[in-house]
PDB file of N, CA and C in Angstrom:
ATOM      1  N   MET A   1      11.599  16.662   5.269  1.00  0.00           N
ATOM      2  CA  MET A   1      10.811  16.204   6.361  1.00  0.00           C
ATOM      3  C   MET A   1       9.732  15.232   5.821  1.00  0.00           C
ATOM      4  N   ARG A   2       9.601  14.082   6.427  1.00  0.00           N
ATOM      5  CA  ARG A   2       8.651  13.086   6.000  1.00  0.00           C
ATOM      6  C   ARG A   2       7.277  13.414   6.606  1.00  0.00           C
ATOM      7  N   VAL A   3       6.228  13.235   5.782  1.00  0.00           N
ATOM      8  CA  VAL A   3       4.872  13.505   6.266  1.00  0.00           C
ATOM      9  C   VAL A   3       4.377  12.313   7.120  1.00  0.00           C
ATOM     10  N   THR A   4       3.341  12.571   7.901  1.00  0.00           N
ATOM     11  CA  THR A   4       2.808  11.490   8.743  1.00  0.00           C
ATOM     12  C   THR A   4       2.123  10.438   7.850  1.00  0.00           C
ATOM     13  N   THR A   5       1.987   9.269   8.375  1.00  0.00           N
ATOM     14  CA  THR A   5       1.335   8.212   7.646  1.00  0.00           C
ATOM     15  C   THR A   5      -0.089   8.567   7.339  1.00  0.00           C
ATOM     16  N   GLU A   6      -0.790   9.138   8.293  1.00  0.00           N
ATOM     17  CA  GLU A   6      -2.177   9.551   8.082  1.00  0.00           C
ATOM     18  C   GLU A   6      -2.308  10.496   6.881  1.00  0.00           C
ATOM     19  N   PHE A   7      -1.423  11.467   6.800  1.00  0.00           N
ATOM     20  CA  PHE A   7      -1.444  12.433   5.693  1.00  0.00           C
ATOM     21  C   PHE A   7      -1.116  11.726   4.367  1.00  0.00           C
ATOM     22  N   TRP A   8      -0.119  10.831   4.384  1.00  0.00           N
ATOM     23  CA  TRP A   8       0.263  10.138   3.177  1.00  0.00           C
ATOM     24  C   TRP A   8      -0.868   9.258   2.670  1.00  0.00           C
ATOM     25  N   VAL A   9      -1.551   8.559   3.577  1.00  0.00           N
ATOM     26  CA  VAL A   9      -2.674   7.712   3.176  1.00  0.00           C
ATOM     27  C   VAL A   9      -3.793   8.574   2.613  1.00  0.00           C
ATOM     28  N   SER A  10      -4.074   9.712   3.185  1.00  0.00           N
ATOM     29  CA  SER A  10      -5.102  10.620   2.681  1.00  0.00           C
ATOM     30  C   SER A  10      -4.779  11.055   1.238  1.00  0.00           C
ATOM     31  N   ALA A  11      -3.514  11.356   1.006  1.00  0.00           N
ATOM     32  CA  ALA A  11      -3.109  11.764  -0.334  1.00  0.00           C
ATOM     33  C   ALA A  11      -3.256  10.611  -1.332  1.00  0.00           C
ATOM     34  N   LEU A  12      -2.924   9.368  -0.890  1.00  0.00           N
ATOM     35  CA  LEU A  12      -3.092   8.205  -1.776  1.00  0.00           C
ATOM     36  C   LEU A  12      -4.577   8.034  -2.139  1.00  0.00           C
ATOM     37  N   LEU A  13      -5.462   8.143  -1.141  1.00  0.00           N
ATOM     38  CA  LEU A  13      -6.883   8.020  -1.416  1.00  0.00           C
ATOM     39  C   LEU A  13      -7.336   9.049  -2.457  1.00  0.00           C
ATOM     40  N   ARG A  14      -6.896  10.291  -2.287  1.00  0.00           N
ATOM     41  CA  ARG A  14      -7.288  11.342  -3.231  1.00  0.00           C
ATOM     42  C   ARG A  14      -6.788  11.053  -4.648  1.00  0.00           C
ATOM     43  N   ARG A  15      -5.534  10.540  -4.761  1.00  0.00           N
ATOM     44  CA  ARG A  15      -5.007  10.209  -6.082  1.00  0.00           C
ATOM     45  C   ARG A  15      -5.805   9.099  -6.725  1.00  0.00           C
ATOM     46  N   VAL A  16      -6.194   8.097  -5.978  1.00  0.00           N
ATOM     47  CA  VAL A  16      -6.978   6.993  -6.524  1.00  0.00           C
ATOM     48  C   VAL A  16      -8.348   7.489  -6.965  1.00  0.00           C
ATOM     49  N   PHE A  17      -9.032   8.239  -6.107  1.00  0.00           N
ATOM     50  CA  PHE A  17     -10.359   8.774  -6.443  1.00  0.00           C
ATOM     51  C   PHE A  17     -10.245   9.721  -7.650  1.00  0.00           C
ATOM     52  N   GLY A  18      -9.192  10.530  -7.703  1.00  0.00           N
ATOM     53  CA  GLY A  18      -8.996  11.450  -8.804  1.00  0.00           C
ATOM     54  C   GLY A  18      -8.801  10.722 -10.153  1.00  0.00           C
ATOM     55  N   ALA A  19      -8.299   9.511 -10.090  1.00  0.00           N
ATOM     56  CA  ALA A  19      -8.084   8.712 -11.304  1.00  0.00           C
ATOM     57  C   ALA A  19      -9.314   7.864 -11.655  1.00  0.00           C
ATOM     58  N   GLY A  20     -10.392   8.051 -10.886  1.00  0.00           N
ATOM     59  CA  GLY A  20     -11.619   7.336 -11.199  1.00  0.00           C
ATOM     60  C   GLY A  20     -11.711   5.958 -10.514  1.00  0.00           C
ATOM     61  N   GLY A  21     -10.815   5.683  -9.600  1.00  0.00           N
ATOM     62  CA  GLY A  21     -10.816   4.431  -8.869  1.00  0.00           C
ATOM     63  C   GLY A  21     -11.528   4.509  -7.568  1.00  0.00           C
ATOM     64  N   PHE A  22     -11.376   3.455  -6.791  1.00  0.00           N
ATOM     65  CA  PHE A  22     -11.998   3.376  -5.469  1.00  0.00           C
ATOM     66  C   PHE A  22     -10.921   2.998  -4.461  1.00  0.00           C
ATOM     67  N   ALA A  23     -11.002   3.567  -3.255  1.00  0.00           N
ATOM     68  CA  ALA A  23     -10.049   3.238  -2.217  1.00  0.00           C
ATOM     69  C   ALA A  23     -10.726   3.326  -0.856  1.00  0.00           C
ATOM     70  N   ALA A  24     -10.249   2.513   0.063  1.00  0.00           N
ATOM     71  CA  ALA A  24     -10.785   2.532   1.425  1.00  0.00           C
ATOM     72  C   ALA A  24      -9.695   2.111   2.407  1.00  0.00           C
ATOM     73  N   VAL A  25      -9.735   2.754   3.567  1.00  0.00           N
ATOM     74  CA  VAL A  25      -8.837   2.346   4.663  1.00  0.00           C
ATOM     75  C   VAL A  25      -9.498   1.193   5.356  1.00  0.00           C
ATOM     76  N   VAL A  26      -8.892   0.004   5.255  1.00  0.00           N
ATOM     77  CA  VAL A  26      -9.446  -1.198   5.860  1.00  0.00           C
ATOM     78  C   VAL A  26      -9.028  -1.278   7.337  1.00  0.00           C
ATOM     79  N   LYS A  27      -7.789  -0.855   7.620  1.00  0.00           N
ATOM     80  CA  LYS A  27      -7.309  -0.836   9.008  1.00  0.00           C
ATOM     81  C   LYS A  27      -6.478   0.424   9.177  1.00  0.00           C
ATOM     82  N   ARG A  28      -6.823   1.166  10.187  1.00  0.00           N
ATOM     83  CA  ARG A  28      -6.132   2.395  10.509  1.00  0.00           C
ATOM     84  C   ARG A  28      -5.059   2.069  11.547  1.00  0.00           C
ATOM     85  N   GLY A  29      -3.839   2.509  11.296  1.00  0.00           N
ATOM     86  CA  GLY A  29      -2.716   2.206  12.183  1.00  0.00           C
ATOM     87  C   GLY A  29      -2.255   3.459  12.902  1.00  0.00           C
ATOM     88  N   ALA A  30      -0.995   3.450  13.274  1.00  0.00           N
ATOM     89  CA  ALA A  30      -0.388   4.577  14.000  1.00  0.00           C
ATOM     90  C   ALA A  30      -0.389   5.812  13.106  1.00  0.00           C
ATOM     91  N   THR A  31      -0.857   6.911  13.644  1.00  0.00           N
ATOM     92  CA  THR A  31      -0.986   8.184  12.892  1.00  0.00           C
ATOM     93  C   THR A  31       0.343   8.681  12.371  1.00  0.00           C
ATOM     94  N   GLU A  32       1.339   8.630  13.189  1.00  0.00           N
ATOM     95  CA  GLU A  32       2.643   9.249  12.835  1.00  0.00           C
ATOM     96  C   GLU A  32       3.492   8.422  11.926  1.00  0.00           C
ATOM     97  N   ALA A  33       3.641   7.151  12.244  1.00  0.00           N
ATOM     98  CA  ALA A  33       4.619   6.355  11.508  1.00  0.00           C
ATOM     99  C   ALA A  33       4.255   4.897  11.325  1.00  0.00           C
ATOM    100  N   GLY A  34       2.976   4.594  11.169  1.00  0.00           N
ATOM    101  CA  GLY A  34       2.578   3.207  10.920  1.00  0.00           C
ATOM    102  C   GLY A  34       2.972   2.756   9.547  1.00  0.00           C
ATOM    103  N   ALA A  35       3.327   1.464   9.424  1.00  0.00           N
ATOM    104  CA  ALA A  35       3.680   0.881   8.141  1.00  0.00           C
ATOM    105  C   ALA A  35       2.399   0.782   7.299  1.00  0.00           C
ATOM    106  N   VAL A  36       2.522   0.956   5.972  1.00  0.00           N
ATOM    107  CA  VAL A  36       1.354   0.917   5.110  1.00  0.00           C
ATOM    108  C   VAL A  36       1.440  -0.311   4.184  1.00  0.00           C
ATOM    109  N   PHE A  37       0.322  -1.027   4.137  1.00  0.00           N
ATOM    110  CA  PHE A  37       0.172  -2.145   3.182  1.00  0.00           C
ATOM    111  C   PHE A  37      -0.957  -1.786   2.256  1.00  0.00           C
ATOM    112  N   VAL A  38      -0.769  -2.033   0.976  1.00  0.00           N
ATOM    113  CA  VAL A  38      -1.784  -1.689  -0.029  1.00  0.00           C
ATOM    114  C   VAL A  38      -2.220  -2.953  -0.721  1.00  0.00           C
ATOM    115  N   LEU A  39      -3.527  -3.219  -0.661  1.00  0.00           N
ATOM    116  CA  LEU A  39      -4.116  -4.372  -1.303  1.00  0.00           C
ATOM    117  C   LEU A  39      -4.831  -3.844  -2.550  1.00  0.00           C
ATOM    118  N   SER A  40      -4.339  -4.225  -3.717  1.00  0.00           N
ATOM    119  CA  SER A  40      -4.904  -3.756  -4.962  1.00  0.00           C
ATOM    120  C   SER A  40      -5.767  -4.852  -5.583  1.00  0.00           C
ATOM    121  N   ARG A  41      -7.025  -4.555  -5.799  1.00  0.00           N
ATOM    122  CA  ARG A  41      -7.951  -5.535  -6.404  1.00  0.00           C
ATOM    123  C   ARG A  41      -8.305  -5.068  -7.806  1.00  0.00           C
ATOM    124  N   GLY A  42      -8.114  -5.965  -8.750  1.00  0.00           N
ATOM    125  CA  GLY A  42      -8.475  -5.654 -10.103  1.00  0.00           C
ATOM    126  C   GLY A  42      -9.920  -6.024 -10.401  1.00  0.00           C
ATOM    127  N   ARG A  43     -10.464  -5.531 -11.459  1.00  0.00           N
ATOM    128  CA  ARG A  43     -11.867  -5.802 -11.775  1.00  0.00           C
ATOM    129  C   ARG A  43     -12.109  -7.213 -12.290  1.00  0.00           C
ATOM    130  N   LEU A  44     -11.042  -7.897 -12.647  1.00  0.00           N
ATOM    131  CA  LEU A  44     -11.173  -9.265 -13.115  1.00  0.00           C
ATOM    132  C   LEU A  44     -10.806 -10.310 -12.067  1.00  0.00           C
ATOM    133  N   GLY A  45     -10.697  -9.880 -10.784  1.00  0.00           N
ATOM    134  CA  GLY A  45     -10.436 -10.801  -9.704  1.00  0.00           C
ATOM    135  C   GLY A  45      -8.981 -10.958  -9.306  1.00  0.00           C
ATOM    136  N   ASP A  46      -8.092 -10.258 -10.001  1.00  0.00           N
ATOM    137  CA  ASP A  46      -6.690 -10.318  -9.621  1.00  0.00           C
ATOM    138  C   ASP A  46      -6.433  -9.434  -8.399  1.00  0.00           C
ATOM    139  N   VAL A  47      -5.506  -9.918  -7.567  1.00  0.00           N
ATOM    140  CA  VAL A  47      -5.192  -9.222  -6.295  1.00  0.00           C
ATOM    141  C   VAL A  47      -3.674  -9.106  -6.166  1.00  0.00           C
ATOM    142  N   SER A  48      -3.220  -7.970  -5.695  1.00  0.00           N
ATOM    143  CA  SER A  48      -1.795  -7.758  -5.425  1.00  0.00           C
ATOM    144  C   SER A  48      -1.654  -7.106  -4.048  1.00  0.00           C
ATOM    145  N   LEU A  49      -0.642  -7.543  -3.323  1.00  0.00           N
ATOM    146  CA  LEU A  49      -0.365  -6.970  -1.999  1.00  0.00           C
ATOM    147  C   LEU A  49       0.988  -6.313  -2.040  1.00  0.00           C
ATOM    148  N   PHE A  50       1.014  -5.035  -1.676  1.00  0.00           N
ATOM    149  CA  PHE A  50       2.264  -4.275  -1.632  1.00  0.00           C
ATOM    150  C   PHE A  50       2.533  -3.900  -0.170  1.00  0.00           C
ATOM    151  N   GLY A  51       3.781  -4.038   0.257  1.00  0.00           N
ATOM    152  CA  GLY A  51       4.138  -3.694   1.618  1.00  0.00           C
ATOM    153  C   GLY A  51       5.360  -2.771   1.621  1.00  0.00           C
ATOM    154  N   PRO A  52       5.732  -2.305   2.792  1.00  0.00           N
ATOM    155  CA  PRO A  52       6.885  -1.412   2.862  1.00  0.00           C
ATOM    156  C   PRO A  52       8.127  -2.055   2.291  1.00  0.00           C
ATOM    157  N   GLY A  53       8.823  -1.280   1.488  1.00  0.00           N
ATOM    158  CA  GLY A  53      10.080  -1.788   0.893  1.00  0.00           C
ATOM    159  C   GLY A  53      11.164  -1.872   1.944  1.00  0.00           C
ATOM    160  N   PRO A  54      12.151  -2.722   1.716  1.00  0.00           N
ATOM    161  CA  PRO A  54      13.262  -2.817   2.682  1.00  0.00           C
ATOM    162  C   PRO A  54      14.065  -1.519   2.734  1.00  0.00           C
ATOM    163  N   GLN A  55      14.732  -1.333   3.821  1.00  0.00           N
ATOM    164  CA  GLN A  55      15.550  -0.112   3.998  1.00  0.00           C
ATOM    165  C   GLN A  55      16.570   0.066   2.883  1.00  0.00           C
ATOM    166  N   THR A  56      16.956  -1.024   2.235  1.00  0.00           N
ATOM    167  CA  THR A  56      17.915  -0.899   1.145  1.00  0.00           C
ATOM    168  C   THR A  56      17.332  -0.237  -0.077  1.00  0.00           C
ATOM    169  N   SER A  57      15.983  -0.039  -0.069  1.00  0.00           N
ATOM    170  CA  SER A  57      15.320   0.613  -1.196  1.00  0.00           C
ATOM    171  C   SER A  57      15.384   2.132  -1.112  1.00  0.00           C
ATOM    172  N   TYR A  58      16.014   2.648  -0.055  1.00  0.00           N
ATOM    173  CA  TYR A  58      16.119   4.097   0.151  1.00  0.00           C
ATOM    174  C   TYR A  58      16.800   4.738  -1.047  1.00  0.00           C
ATOM    175  N   ASP A  59      16.239   5.842  -1.511  1.00  0.00           N
ATOM    176  CA  ASP A  59      16.799   6.546  -2.642  1.00  0.00           C
ATOM    177  C   ASP A  59      17.169   7.959  -2.180  1.00  0.00           C
ATOM    178  N   SER A  60      18.471   8.294  -2.209  1.00  0.00           N
ATOM    179  CA  SER A  60      18.918   9.585  -1.708  1.00  0.00           C
ATOM    180  C   SER A  60      18.389  10.748  -2.540  1.00  0.00           C
ATOM    181  N   ASP A  61      17.963  10.466  -3.785  1.00  0.00           N
ATOM    182  CA  ASP A  61      17.374  11.511  -4.625  1.00  0.00           C
ATOM    183  C   ASP A  61      15.948  11.799  -4.229  1.00  0.00           C
ATOM    184  N   LYS A  62      15.289  10.878  -3.532  1.00  0.00           N
ATOM    185  CA  LYS A  62      13.914  11.021  -3.079  1.00  0.00           C
ATOM    186  C   LYS A  62      13.829  10.620  -1.618  1.00  0.00           C
ATOM    187  N   PRO A  63      14.420  11.383  -0.724  1.00  0.00           N
ATOM    188  CA  PRO A  63      14.466  10.968   0.683  1.00  0.00           C
ATOM    189  C   PRO A  63      13.138  10.898   1.392  1.00  0.00           C
ATOM    190  N   ASP A  64      12.112  11.583   0.878  1.00  0.00           N
ATOM    191  CA  ASP A  64      10.808  11.583   1.540  1.00  0.00           C
ATOM    192  C   ASP A  64       9.827  10.547   0.998  1.00  0.00           C
ATOM    193  N   ASP A  65      10.201   9.862  -0.058  1.00  0.00           N
ATOM    194  CA  ASP A  65       9.295   8.879  -0.621  1.00  0.00           C
ATOM    195  C   ASP A  65       9.178   7.610   0.238  1.00  0.00           C
ATOM    196  N   ARG A  66       8.029   7.027   0.224  1.00  0.00           N
ATOM    197  CA  ARG A  66       7.809   5.710   0.838  1.00  0.00           C
ATOM    198  C   ARG A  66       7.901   4.700  -0.296  1.00  0.00           C
ATOM    199  N   PHE A  67       8.748   3.715  -0.111  1.00  0.00           N
ATOM    200  CA  PHE A  67       8.926   2.697  -1.134  1.00  0.00           C
ATOM    201  C   PHE A  67       8.190   1.426  -0.756  1.00  0.00           C
ATOM    202  N   PHE A  68       7.650   0.757  -1.764  1.00  0.00           N
ATOM    203  CA  PHE A  68       6.906  -0.466  -1.570  1.00  0.00           C
ATOM    204  C   PHE A  68       7.507  -1.572  -2.393  1.00  0.00           C
ATOM    205  N   THR A  69       7.210  -2.784  -1.963  1.00  0.00           N
ATOM    206  CA  THR A  69       7.626  -3.966  -2.717  1.00  0.00           C
ATOM    207  C   THR A  69       6.404  -4.879  -2.861  1.00  0.00           C
ATOM    208  N   LEU A  70       6.363  -5.618  -3.960  1.00  0.00           N
ATOM    209  CA  LEU A  70       5.277  -6.548  -4.184  1.00  0.00           C
ATOM    210  C   LEU A  70       5.474  -7.763  -3.292  1.00  0.00           C
ATOM    211  N   LEU A  71       4.502  -8.021  -2.431  1.00  0.00           N
ATOM    212  CA  LEU A  71       4.584  -9.153  -1.509  1.00  0.00           C
ATOM    213  C   LEU A  71       3.879 -10.409  -2.030  1.00  0.00           C
ATOM    214  N   GLY A  72       2.954 -10.232  -2.957  1.00  0.00           N
ATOM    215  CA  GLY A  72       2.222 -11.353  -3.508  1.00  0.00           C
ATOM    216  C   GLY A  72       1.215 -10.875  -4.522  1.00  0.00           C
ATOM    217  N   ALA A  73       0.890 -11.745  -5.476  1.00  0.00           N
ATOM    218  CA  ALA A  73      -0.090 -11.400  -6.505  1.00  0.00           C
ATOM    219  C   ALA A  73      -0.740 -12.688  -7.014  1.00  0.00           C
ATOM    220  N   GLY A  74      -1.902 -12.538  -7.603  1.00  0.00           N
ATOM    221  CA  GLY A  74      -2.614 -13.682  -8.177  1.00  0.00           C
ATOM    222  C   GLY A  74      -4.108 -13.530  -7.996  1.00  0.00           C
ATOM    223  N   ASP A  75      -4.779 -14.655  -8.004  1.00  0.00           N
ATOM    224  CA  ASP A  75      -6.227 -14.602  -7.838  1.00  0.00           C
ATOM    225  C   ASP A  75      -6.676 -15.267  -6.522  1.00  0.00           C
ATOM    226  N   ASP A  76      -5.716 -15.585  -5.649  1.00  0.00           N
ATOM    227  CA  ASP A  76      -6.014 -16.194  -4.354  1.00  0.00           C
ATOM    228  C   ASP A  76      -6.026 -15.103  -3.258  1.00  0.00           C
ATOM    229  N   ALA A  77      -7.179 -14.419  -3.172  1.00  0.00           N
ATOM    230  CA  ALA A  77      -7.294 -13.324  -2.201  1.00  0.00           C
ATOM    231  C   ALA A  77      -7.170 -13.819  -0.778  1.00  0.00           C
ATOM    232  N   ALA A  78      -7.597 -15.041  -0.507  1.00  0.00           N
ATOM    233  CA  ALA A  78      -7.515 -15.605   0.858  1.00  0.00           C
ATOM    234  C   ALA A  78      -6.076 -15.698   1.352  1.00  0.00           C
ATOM    235  N   ALA A  79      -5.166 -16.074   0.457  1.00  0.00           N
ATOM    236  CA  ALA A  79      -3.751 -16.190   0.862  1.00  0.00           C
ATOM    237  C   ALA A  79      -3.181 -14.819   1.209  1.00  0.00           C
ATOM    238  N   LEU A  80      -3.536 -13.794   0.465  1.00  0.00           N
ATOM    239  CA  LEU A  80      -3.028 -12.453   0.754  1.00  0.00           C
ATOM    240  C   LEU A  80      -3.690 -11.889   2.010  1.00  0.00           C
ATOM    241  N   ASP A  81      -4.939 -12.205   2.211  1.00  0.00           N
ATOM    242  CA  ASP A  81      -5.625 -11.788   3.474  1.00  0.00           C
ATOM    243  C   ASP A  81      -4.973 -12.446   4.656  1.00  0.00           C
ATOM    244  N   ALA A  82      -4.601 -13.711   4.534  1.00  0.00           N
ATOM    245  CA  ALA A  82      -3.903 -14.439   5.622  1.00  0.00           C
ATOM    246  C   ALA A  82      -2.551 -13.775   5.903  1.00  0.00           C
ATOM    247  N   ARG A  83      -1.869 -13.373   4.838  1.00  0.00           N
ATOM    248  CA  ARG A  83      -0.584 -12.687   5.030  1.00  0.00           C
ATOM    249  C   ARG A  83      -0.781 -11.383   5.782  1.00  0.00           C
ATOM    250  N   LEU A  84      -1.825 -10.640   5.454  1.00  0.00           N
ATOM    251  CA  LEU A  84      -2.126  -9.389   6.166  1.00  0.00           C
ATOM    252  C   LEU A  84      -2.429  -9.662   7.649  1.00  0.00           C
ATOM    253  N   GLU A  85      -3.166 -10.709   7.921  1.00  0.00           N
ATOM    254  CA  GLU A  85      -3.468 -11.062   9.315  1.00  0.00           C
ATOM    255  C   GLU A  85      -2.184 -11.352  10.106  1.00  0.00           C
ATOM    256  N   ARG A  86      -1.235 -12.048   9.483  1.00  0.00           N
ATOM    257  CA  ARG A  86       0.039 -12.292  10.147  1.00  0.00           C
ATOM    258  C   ARG A  86       0.773 -10.998  10.417  1.00  0.00           C
ATOM    259  N   GLU A  87       0.722 -10.066   9.431  1.00  0.00           N
ATOM    260  CA  GLU A  87       1.396  -8.763   9.609  1.00  0.00           C
ATOM    261  C   GLU A  87       0.741  -7.990  10.772  1.00  0.00           C
ATOM    262  N   LYS A  88      -0.569  -8.063  10.871  1.00  0.00           N
ATOM    263  CA  LYS A  88      -1.292  -7.349  11.952  1.00  0.00           C
ATOM    264  C   LYS A  88      -0.921  -7.900  13.306  1.00  0.00           C
ATOM    265  N   LYS A  89      -0.711  -9.232  13.391  1.00  0.00           N
ATOM    266  CA  LYS A  89      -0.309  -9.834  14.678  1.00  0.00           C
ATOM    267  C   LYS A  89       1.096  -9.405  15.043  1.00  0.00           C
ATOM    268  N   PHE A  90       1.965  -9.285  14.030  1.00  0.00           N
ATOM    269  CA  PHE A  90       3.358  -8.885  14.269  1.00  0.00           C
ATOM    270  C   PHE A  90       3.422  -7.413  14.650  1.00  0.00           C
ATOM    271  N   ASP A  91       2.673  -6.569  13.967  1.00  0.00           N
ATOM    272  CA  ASP A  91       2.691  -5.117  14.203  1.00  0.00           C
ATOM    273  C   ASP A  91       1.263  -4.589  14.192  1.00  0.00           C
ATOM    274  N   PRO A  92       0.631  -4.398  15.328  1.00  0.00           N
ATOM    275  CA  PRO A  92      -0.764  -3.906  15.337  1.00  0.00           C
ATOM    276  C   PRO A  92      -0.947  -2.468  14.868  1.00  0.00           C
ATOM    277  N   ASP A  93       0.138  -1.761  14.610  1.00  0.00           N
ATOM    278  CA  ASP A  93       0.040  -0.333  14.188  1.00  0.00           C
ATOM    279  C   ASP A  93       0.075  -0.165  12.672  1.00  0.00           C
ATOM    280  N   ILE A  94      -0.099  -1.228  11.891  1.00  0.00           N
ATOM    281  CA  ILE A  94      -0.046  -1.083  10.440  1.00  0.00           C
ATOM    282  C   ILE A  94      -1.317  -0.483   9.895  1.00  0.00           C
ATOM    283  N   TRP A  95      -1.216   0.093   8.729  1.00  0.00           N
ATOM    284  CA  TRP A  95      -2.366   0.579   7.950  1.00  0.00           C
ATOM    285  C   TRP A  95      -2.580  -0.406   6.824  1.00  0.00           C
ATOM    286  N   VAL A  96      -3.838  -0.686   6.502  1.00  0.00           N
ATOM    287  CA  VAL A  96      -4.173  -1.476   5.329  1.00  0.00           C
ATOM    288  C   VAL A  96      -5.112  -0.648   4.487  1.00  0.00           C
ATOM    289  N   VAL A  97      -4.711  -0.378   3.243  1.00  0.00           N
ATOM    290  CA  VAL A  97      -5.512   0.395   2.296  1.00  0.00           C
ATOM    291  C   VAL A  97      -5.821  -0.504   1.135  1.00  0.00           C
ATOM    292  N   GLU A  98      -7.110  -0.583   0.788  1.00  0.00           N
ATOM    293  CA  GLU A  98      -7.519  -1.401  -0.363  1.00  0.00           C
ATOM    294  C   GLU A  98      -7.887  -0.444  -1.486  1.00  0.00           C
ATOM    295  N   ILE A  99      -7.380  -0.736  -2.660  1.00  0.00           N
ATOM    296  CA  ILE A  99      -7.663   0.129  -3.796  1.00  0.00           C
ATOM    297  C   ILE A  99      -8.108  -0.692  -5.016  1.00  0.00           C
ATOM    298  N   GLU A 100      -8.900  -0.052  -5.807  1.00  0.00           N
ATOM    299  CA  GLU A 100      -9.208  -0.530  -7.158  1.00  0.00           C
ATOM    300  C   GLU A 100      -8.854   0.657  -8.045  1.00  0.00           C
ATOM    301  N   ALA A 101      -7.707   0.592  -8.697  1.00  0.00           N
ATOM    302  CA  ALA A 101      -7.103   1.768  -9.334  1.00  0.00           C
ATOM    303  C   ALA A 101      -7.754   2.222 -10.608  1.00  0.00           C
ATOM    304  N   ALA A 102      -8.577   1.426 -11.249  1.00  0.00           N
ATOM    305  CA  ALA A 102      -9.275   1.811 -12.476  1.00  0.00           C
ATOM    306  C   ALA A 102      -8.327   2.053 -13.609  1.00  0.00           C
ATOM    307  N   THR A 103      -8.134   3.295 -14.025  1.00  0.00           N
ATOM    308  CA  THR A 103      -7.387   3.570 -15.261  1.00  0.00           C
ATOM    309  C   THR A 103      -5.891   3.746 -15.079  1.00  0.00           C
ATOM    310  N   VAL A 104      -5.419   3.805 -13.856  1.00  0.00           N
ATOM    311  CA  VAL A 104      -3.971   3.954 -13.619  1.00  0.00           C
ATOM    312  C   VAL A 104      -3.427   2.679 -12.967  1.00  0.00           C
ATOM    313  N   SER A 105      -2.136   2.453 -13.208  1.00  0.00           N
ATOM    314  CA  SER A 105      -1.522   1.279 -12.608  1.00  0.00           C
ATOM    315  C   SER A 105      -1.113   1.617 -11.155  1.00  0.00           C
ATOM    316  N   VAL A 106      -0.967   0.594 -10.373  1.00  0.00           N
ATOM    317  CA  VAL A 106      -0.523   0.788  -8.972  1.00  0.00           C
ATOM    318  C   VAL A 106       0.855   1.441  -8.948  1.00  0.00           C
ATOM    319  N   GLU A 107       1.684   1.095  -9.920  1.00  0.00           N
ATOM    320  CA  GLU A 107       3.019   1.644  -9.961  1.00  0.00           C
ATOM    321  C   GLU A 107       3.032   3.149 -10.204  1.00  0.00           C
ATOM    322  N   GLU A 108       1.951   3.681 -10.741  1.00  0.00           N
ATOM    323  CA  GLU A 108       1.827   5.134 -10.883  1.00  0.00           C
ATOM    324  C   GLU A 108       1.418   5.802  -9.584  1.00  0.00           C
ATOM    325  N   LEU A 109       0.827   5.035  -8.706  1.00  0.00           N
ATOM    326  CA  LEU A 109       0.353   5.578  -7.427  1.00  0.00           C
ATOM    327  C   LEU A 109       1.395   5.388  -6.315  1.00  0.00           C
ATOM    328  N   LEU A 110       2.186   4.321  -6.384  1.00  0.00           N
ATOM    329  CA  LEU A 110       3.167   3.976  -5.358  1.00  0.00           C
ATOM    330  C   LEU A 110       4.565   3.911  -5.968  1.00  0.00           C
ATOM    331  N   SER A 111       5.572   4.159  -5.158  1.00  0.00           N
ATOM    332  CA  SER A 111       6.956   3.959  -5.587  1.00  0.00           C
ATOM    333  C   SER A 111       7.309   2.509  -5.293  1.00  0.00           C
ATOM    334  N   VAL A 112       7.184   1.660  -6.327  1.00  0.00           N
ATOM    335  CA  VAL A 112       7.445   0.232  -6.165  1.00  0.00           C
ATOM    336  C   VAL A 112       8.854  -0.102  -6.548  1.00  0.00           C
ATOM    337  N   LYS A 113       9.570  -0.774  -5.660  1.00  0.00           N
ATOM    338  CA  LYS A 113      10.955  -1.210  -5.913  1.00  0.00           C
ATOM    339  C   LYS A 113      11.001  -2.703  -5.851  1.00  0.00           C
ATOM    340  N   THR A 114      11.813  -3.288  -6.676  1.00  0.00           N
ATOM    341  CA  THR A 114      12.027  -4.722  -6.560  1.00  0.00           C
ATOM    342  C   THR A 114      13.280  -4.980  -5.762  1.00  0.00           C
ATOM    343  N   PRO A 115      13.200  -5.919  -4.769  1.00  0.00           N
ATOM    344  CA  PRO A 115      14.379  -6.133  -3.902  1.00  0.00           C
ATOM    345  C   PRO A 115      15.495  -6.814  -4.629  1.00  0.00           C
TER     346      PRO A 115
END
């Protein structure tokens, strides 16, 4: 059984804080099944945007996992913010979580798949 998005986001926040990082919900979406986008900001100005992975990323060994894919990275935060704004217009029920992971990599916090 898959957990609600609200519960999953709460667990992500706890993992980030537990690793000494910082996290905040920038936009709260649908409680039950909203798509989650994660904006990761590094301490040196680098930014990465992760979004829901395609359905082809489904792993039968981990049926309850949420998979993510890297949608963009670099030091142009404005471009990634614009991408998020387009996503919000397309689906107003999305969640946006911003993290600064500190000592752990984003890949340790999220199940990242490459398409």
